[in-house]
Amino acid sequence: MTRIRNAILGGAIVTALLASSSVAFAAGTPEQRRACSRDAIRFCAAEIPNVSRITSCMRTNFSKLSPACKEVMQKG
């Protein structure tokens, strides 16, 4: 049950990130989703469904993000 909940929550976060004006997530590639889904759930789950708050949260927590997520966020 927890896996399903996390998958749904992860999908919602990724969708919100993709809808944001953040250049790094504009394309919404599978690479970006793979790299940042766990970080978004870990640090920004409380911000769903507010896109601007999720984006701000990811930026605020940038130093804590996984190296892969940092890399895709810096691209663009």
Protein backbone atom coordinates (compact mmCIF):
# COMPACT_ATOMS: atom_id res chain seq x y z
CA MET A 1 0.00 0.00 0.00
CA THR A 2 2.84 2.35 0.81
CA ARG A 3 4.46 1.71 -2.58
CA ILE A 4 1.25 2.57 -4.39
CA ARG A 5 0.80 5.73 -2.32
CA ASN A 6 4.40 6.78 -2.98
CA ALA A 7 4.02 6.09 -6.70
CA ILE A 8 0.89 8.23 -6.89
CA LEU A 9 2.48 10.96 -4.79
CA GLY A 10 5.62 10.83 -6.93
CA GLY A 11 3.56 11.13 -10.09
CA ALA A 12 1.73 14.14 -8.69
CA ILE A 13 4.97 15.84 -7.73
CA VAL A 14 6.58 15.19 -11.09
CA THR A 15 3.47 16.46 -12.84
CA ALA A 16 3.55 19.61 -10.75
CA LEU A 17 7.24 20.10 -11.44
CA LEU A 18 6.72 19.64 -15.15
CA ALA A 19 3.94 22.20 -15.13
CA SER A 20 6.16 24.77 -13.46
CA SER A 21 8.08 27.42 -15.31
CA SER A 22 11.36 25.88 -14.22
CA VAL A 23 13.57 25.55 -17.28
CA ALA A 24 15.14 22.35 -15.98
CA PHE A 25 11.79 20.60 -15.97
CA ALA A 26 10.24 22.17 -19.06
CA ALA A 27 10.88 19.13 -21.25
CA GLY A 28 9.95 16.60 -18.58
CA THR A 29 12.21 13.87 -19.85
CA PRO A 30 12.23 10.40 -18.31
CA GLU A 31 15.75 11.21 -17.10
CA GLN A 32 14.45 14.19 -15.11
CA ARG A 33 11.62 12.17 -13.59
CA ARG A 34 13.98 9.35 -12.60
CA ALA A 35 16.52 11.74 -11.15
CA CYS A 36 14.20 13.89 -9.04
CA SER A 37 11.09 11.94 -8.05
CA ARG A 38 12.52 10.60 -4.80
CA ASP A 39 13.98 13.97 -3.82
CA ALA A 40 10.68 15.69 -4.53
CA ILE A 41 8.83 13.19 -2.36
CA ARG A 42 11.40 13.40 0.39
CA PHE A 43 11.68 17.18 0.62
CA CYS A 44 8.53 18.64 -0.92
CA ALA A 45 5.60 16.26 -0.43
CA ALA A 46 3.85 18.75 1.85
CA GLU A 47 3.74 21.30 -0.97
CA ILE A 48 1.55 19.26 -3.32
CA PRO A 49 -0.41 20.36 -5.34
CA ASN A 50 0.93 23.94 -5.34
CA VAL A 51 3.35 24.07 -8.29
CA SER A 52 5.08 27.28 -7.26
CA ARG A 53 5.63 25.98 -3.72
CA ILE A 54 7.04 22.68 -5.00
CA THR A 55 9.41 24.54 -7.31
CA SER A 56 10.47 26.84 -4.48
CA CYS A 57 10.93 23.87 -2.15
CA MET A 58 13.18 22.08 -4.63
CA ARG A 59 15.28 25.21 -5.04
CA THR A 60 15.45 25.73 -1.26
CA ASN A 61 16.59 22.16 -0.76
CA PHE A 62 18.98 22.15 -3.70
CA SER A 63 22.02 21.41 -1.52
CA LYS A 64 20.28 18.29 -0.16
CA LEU A 65 19.22 16.89 -3.54
CA SER A 66 20.83 13.82 -5.03
CA PRO A 67 23.68 14.48 -7.46
CA ALA A 68 21.58 13.20 -10.38
CA CYS A 69 18.70 15.57 -9.57
CA LYS A 70 21.07 18.52 -9.14
CA GLU A 71 22.54 17.77 -12.52
CA VAL A 72 19.22 17.73 -14.37
CA MET A 73 18.03 20.82 -12.53
CA GLN A 74 21.14 22.70 -13.62
CA LYS A 75 20.73 21.72 -17.27
CA GLY A 76 19.00 24.21 -19.47
